[in-house]
Amino acid sequence: MTKAGKVRSQTPKIPPKPKKNLIPRRRNSRNYRRRVVYAASAAQTAEAE
């Protein structure tokens, strides 16, 4: 078990890209689509089968 983590320790560390949050209007519209619009269409397709 001497080679555990070998590849991970050899992999060069890349600094993470800074994350920018979506503006609230975009975030809210995306959440609405995910929760309401897509959920309704998924329910319709499941109902048809």
PDB file of N, CA and C in Angstrom:
ATOM      1  N   MET A   1       0.822  -1.210   0.000  1.00  0.00           N
ATOM      2  CA  MET A   1       0.000   0.000   0.000  1.00  0.00           C
ATOM      3  C   MET A   1       0.860   1.266   0.000  1.00  0.00           C
ATOM      4  N   THR A   2       2.066   1.150  -0.476  1.00  0.00           N
ATOM      5  CA  THR A   2       2.943   2.322  -0.465  1.00  0.00           C
ATOM      6  C   THR A   2       2.633   3.269  -1.609  1.00  0.00           C
ATOM      7  N   LYS A   3       1.841   2.834  -2.582  1.00  0.00           N
ATOM      8  CA  LYS A   3       1.589   3.676  -3.759  1.00  0.00           C
ATOM      9  C   LYS A   3       0.225   4.362  -3.711  1.00  0.00           C
ATOM     10  N   ALA A   4      -0.396   4.358  -2.573  1.00  0.00           N
ATOM     11  CA  ALA A   4      -1.716   4.985  -2.472  1.00  0.00           C
ATOM     12  C   ALA A   4      -1.607   6.495  -2.657  1.00  0.00           C
ATOM     13  N   GLY A   5      -2.394   7.054  -3.571  1.00  0.00           N
ATOM     14  CA  GLY A   5      -2.397   8.490  -3.817  1.00  0.00           C
ATOM     15  C   GLY A   5      -1.264   8.970  -4.699  1.00  0.00           C
ATOM     16  N   LYS A   6      -0.608   8.040  -5.397  1.00  0.00           N
ATOM     17  CA  LYS A   6       0.571   8.379  -6.215  1.00  0.00           C
ATOM     18  C   LYS A   6       0.218   9.370  -7.321  1.00  0.00           C
ATOM     19  N   VAL A   7      -0.805   9.070  -8.094  1.00  0.00           N
ATOM     20  CA  VAL A   7      -1.147   9.900  -9.251  1.00  0.00           C
ATOM     21  C   VAL A   7      -1.636  11.270  -8.802  1.00  0.00           C
ATOM     22  N   ARG A   8      -2.438  11.287  -7.757  1.00  0.00           N
ATOM     23  CA  ARG A   8      -2.978  12.565  -7.294  1.00  0.00           C
ATOM     24  C   ARG A   8      -1.869  13.497  -6.812  1.00  0.00           C
ATOM     25  N   SER A   9      -0.876  12.944  -6.127  1.00  0.00           N
ATOM     26  CA  SER A   9       0.206  13.796  -5.634  1.00  0.00           C
ATOM     27  C   SER A   9       1.098  14.277  -6.762  1.00  0.00           C
ATOM     28  N   GLN A  10       1.149  13.552  -7.882  1.00  0.00           N
ATOM     29  CA  GLN A  10       1.986  13.948  -9.014  1.00  0.00           C
ATOM     30  C   GLN A  10       1.293  14.953  -9.927  1.00  0.00           C
ATOM     31  N   THR A  11      -0.026  15.026  -9.855  1.00  0.00           N
ATOM     32  CA  THR A  11      -0.780  15.903 -10.743  1.00  0.00           C
ATOM     33  C   THR A  11      -0.536  17.359 -10.366  1.00  0.00           C
ATOM     34  N   PRO A  12      -0.211  18.206 -11.338  1.00  0.00           N
ATOM     35  CA  PRO A  12       0.036  19.615 -11.001  1.00  0.00           C
ATOM     36  C   PRO A  12      -1.238  20.310 -10.526  1.00  0.00           C
ATOM     37  N   LYS A  13      -1.078  21.147  -9.527  1.00  0.00           N
ATOM     38  CA  LYS A  13      -2.212  21.869  -8.952  1.00  0.00           C
ATOM     39  C   LYS A  13      -2.567  23.055  -9.841  1.00  0.00           C
ATOM     40  N   ILE A  14      -3.829  23.127 -10.245  1.00  0.00           N
ATOM     41  CA  ILE A  14      -4.316  24.224 -11.078  1.00  0.00           C
ATOM     42  C   ILE A  14      -5.178  25.119 -10.193  1.00  0.00           C
ATOM     43  N   PRO A  15      -4.908  26.421 -10.147  1.00  0.00           N
ATOM     44  CA  PRO A  15      -5.738  27.288  -9.296  1.00  0.00           C
ATOM     45  C   PRO A  15      -7.172  27.356  -9.821  1.00  0.00           C
ATOM     46  N   PRO A  16      -8.167  27.323  -8.925  1.00  0.00           N
ATOM     47  CA  PRO A  16      -9.568  27.352  -9.370  1.00  0.00           C
ATOM     48  C   PRO A  16      -9.939  28.704  -9.957  1.00  0.00           C
ATOM     49  N   LYS A  17     -10.876  28.665 -10.901  1.00  0.00           N
ATOM     50  CA  LYS A  17     -11.371  29.904 -11.490  1.00  0.00           C
ATOM     51  C   LYS A  17     -12.319  30.577 -10.494  1.00  0.00           C
ATOM     52  N   PRO A  18     -12.253  31.886 -10.353  1.00  0.00           N
ATOM     53  CA  PRO A  18     -13.172  32.555  -9.425  1.00  0.00           C
ATOM     54  C   PRO A  18     -14.617  32.435  -9.915  1.00  0.00           C
ATOM     55  N   LYS A  19     -15.502  32.094  -8.996  1.00  0.00           N
ATOM     56  CA  LYS A  19     -16.910  31.924  -9.350  1.00  0.00           C
ATOM     57  C   LYS A  19     -17.650  33.240  -9.160  1.00  0.00           C
ATOM     58  N   LYS A  20     -18.482  33.576 -10.127  1.00  0.00           N
ATOM     59  CA  LYS A  20     -19.341  34.747 -10.007  1.00  0.00           C
ATOM     60  C   LYS A  20     -20.778  34.253  -9.928  1.00  0.00           C
ATOM     61  N   ASN A  21     -21.493  34.720  -8.930  1.00  0.00           N
ATOM     62  CA  ASN A  21     -22.888  34.325  -8.788  1.00  0.00           C
ATOM     63  C   ASN A  21     -23.733  35.012  -9.858  1.00  0.00           C
ATOM     64  N   LEU A  22     -24.795  34.316 -10.276  1.00  0.00           N
ATOM     65  CA  LEU A  22     -25.725  34.914 -11.220  1.00  0.00           C
ATOM     66  C   LEU A  22     -26.461  36.065 -10.548  1.00  0.00           C
ATOM     67  N   ILE A  23     -26.842  37.051 -11.354  1.00  0.00           N
ATOM     68  CA  ILE A  23     -27.658  38.123 -10.801  1.00  0.00           C
ATOM     69  C   ILE A  23     -29.006  37.513 -10.411  1.00  0.00           C
ATOM     70  N   PRO A  24     -29.657  38.036  -9.364  1.00  0.00           N
ATOM     71  CA  PRO A  24     -30.855  37.382  -8.835  1.00  0.00           C
ATOM     72  C   PRO A  24     -31.935  37.124  -9.875  1.00  0.00           C
ATOM     73  N   ARG A  25     -32.123  38.042 -10.809  1.00  0.00           N
ATOM     74  CA  ARG A  25     -33.175  37.856 -11.807  1.00  0.00           C
ATOM     75  C   ARG A  25     -32.917  36.609 -12.647  1.00  0.00           C
ATOM     76  N   ARG A  26     -31.688  36.418 -13.089  1.00  0.00           N
ATOM     77  CA  ARG A  26     -31.344  35.230 -13.875  1.00  0.00           C
ATOM     78  C   ARG A  26     -31.470  33.965 -13.034  1.00  0.00           C
ATOM     79  N   ARG A  27     -30.995  34.052 -11.782  1.00  0.00           N
ATOM     80  CA  ARG A  27     -31.040  32.886 -10.906  1.00  0.00           C
ATOM     81  C   ARG A  27     -32.481  32.474 -10.629  1.00  0.00           C
ATOM     82  N   ASN A  28     -33.345  33.458 -10.352  1.00  0.00           N
ATOM     83  CA  ASN A  28     -34.739  33.153 -10.041  1.00  0.00           C
ATOM     84  C   ASN A  28     -35.459  32.572 -11.246  1.00  0.00           C
ATOM     85  N   SER A  29     -35.181  33.104 -12.438  1.00  0.00           N
ATOM     86  CA  SER A  29     -35.851  32.572 -13.621  1.00  0.00           C
ATOM     87  C   SER A  29     -35.371  31.158 -13.900  1.00  0.00           C
ATOM     88  N   ARG A  30     -34.091  30.888 -13.678  1.00  0.00           N
ATOM     89  CA  ARG A  30     -33.577  29.532 -13.888  1.00  0.00           C
ATOM     90  C   ARG A  30     -34.216  28.562 -12.897  1.00  0.00           C
ATOM     91  N   ASN A  31     -34.311  28.969 -11.618  1.00  0.00           N
ATOM     92  CA  ASN A  31     -34.933  28.107 -10.617  1.00  0.00           C
ATOM     93  C   ASN A  31     -36.397  27.860 -10.953  1.00  0.00           C
ATOM     94  N   TYR A  32     -37.101  28.877 -11.419  1.00  0.00           N
ATOM     95  CA  TYR A  32     -38.508  28.726 -11.788  1.00  0.00           C
ATOM     96  C   TYR A  32     -38.653  27.702 -12.901  1.00  0.00           C
ATOM     97  N   ARG A  33     -37.805  27.827 -13.933  1.00  0.00           N
ATOM     98  CA  ARG A  33     -37.887  26.874 -15.037  1.00  0.00           C
ATOM     99  C   ARG A  33     -37.622  25.460 -14.558  1.00  0.00           C
ATOM    100  N   ARG A  34     -36.615  25.291 -13.722  1.00  0.00           N
ATOM    101  CA  ARG A  34     -36.278  23.954 -13.235  1.00  0.00           C
ATOM    102  C   ARG A  34     -37.405  23.360 -12.405  1.00  0.00           C
ATOM    103  N   ARG A  35     -37.960  24.173 -11.498  1.00  0.00           N
ATOM    104  CA  ARG A  35     -38.925  23.644 -10.537  1.00  0.00           C
ATOM    105  C   ARG A  35     -40.322  23.512 -11.110  1.00  0.00           C
ATOM    106  N   VAL A  36     -40.734  24.460 -11.964  1.00  0.00           N
ATOM    107  CA  VAL A  36     -42.123  24.500 -12.409  1.00  0.00           C
ATOM    108  C   VAL A  36     -42.266  24.020 -13.845  1.00  0.00           C
ATOM    109  N   VAL A  37     -41.569  24.661 -14.767  1.00  0.00           N
ATOM    110  CA  VAL A  37     -41.774  24.394 -16.186  1.00  0.00           C
ATOM    111  C   VAL A  37     -41.314  22.991 -16.542  1.00  0.00           C
ATOM    112  N   TYR A  38     -40.067  22.657 -16.194  1.00  0.00           N
ATOM    113  CA  TYR A  38     -39.544  21.343 -16.554  1.00  0.00           C
ATOM    114  C   TYR A  38     -40.241  20.236 -15.775  1.00  0.00           C
ATOM    115  N   ALA A  39     -40.601  20.506 -14.533  1.00  0.00           N
ATOM    116  CA  ALA A  39     -41.292  19.507 -13.730  1.00  0.00           C
ATOM    117  C   ALA A  39     -42.657  19.199 -14.327  1.00  0.00           C
ATOM    118  N   ALA A  40     -43.347  20.230 -14.826  1.00  0.00           N
ATOM    119  CA  ALA A  40     -44.660  20.021 -15.432  1.00  0.00           C
ATOM    120  C   ALA A  40     -44.530  19.221 -16.723  1.00  0.00           C
ATOM    121  N   SER A  41     -43.530  19.534 -17.536  1.00  0.00           N
ATOM    122  CA  SER A  41     -43.364  18.796 -18.792  1.00  0.00           C
ATOM    123  C   SER A  41     -42.937  17.360 -18.518  1.00  0.00           C
ATOM    124  N   ALA A  42     -42.131  17.135 -17.488  1.00  0.00           N
ATOM    125  CA  ALA A  42     -41.721  15.778 -17.140  1.00  0.00           C
ATOM    126  C   ALA A  42     -42.920  14.979 -16.634  1.00  0.00           C
ATOM    127  N   ALA A  43     -43.800  15.636 -15.890  1.00  0.00           N
ATOM    128  CA  ALA A  43     -44.993  14.962 -15.389  1.00  0.00           C
ATOM    129  C   ALA A  43     -45.917  14.587 -16.540  1.00  0.00           C
ATOM    130  N   GLN A  44     -46.001  15.435 -17.555  1.00  0.00           N
ATOM    131  CA  GLN A  44     -46.849  15.136 -18.704  1.00  0.00           C
ATOM    132  C   GLN A  44     -46.313  13.939 -19.477  1.00  0.00           C
ATOM    133  N   THR A  45     -45.010  13.876 -19.697  1.00  0.00           N
ATOM    134  CA  THR A  45     -44.446  12.751 -20.445  1.00  0.00           C
ATOM    135  C   THR A  45     -44.582  11.459 -19.652  1.00  0.00           C
ATOM    136  N   ALA A  46     -44.442  11.520 -18.327  1.00  0.00           N
ATOM    137  CA  ALA A  46     -44.599  10.327 -17.509  1.00  0.00           C
ATOM    138  C   ALA A  46     -46.064   9.883 -17.504  1.00  0.00           C
ATOM    139  N   GLU A  47     -46.973  10.835 -17.577  1.00  0.00           N
ATOM    140  CA  GLU A  47     -48.400  10.536 -17.580  1.00  0.00           C
ATOM    141  C   GLU A  47     -48.820   9.867 -18.885  1.00  0.00           C
ATOM    142  N   ALA A  48     -48.191  10.257 -19.987  1.00  0.00           N
ATOM    143  CA  ALA A  48     -48.552   9.733 -21.297  1.00  0.00           C
ATOM    144  C   ALA A  48     -48.105   8.286 -21.480  1.00  0.00           C
ATOM    145  N   GLU A  49     -47.082   7.883 -20.748  1.00  0.00           N
ATOM    146  CA  GLU A  49     -46.562   6.511 -20.927  1.00  0.00           C
ATOM    147  C   GLU A  49     -47.396   5.474 -20.244  1.00  0.00           C
TER     148      GLU A  49
END
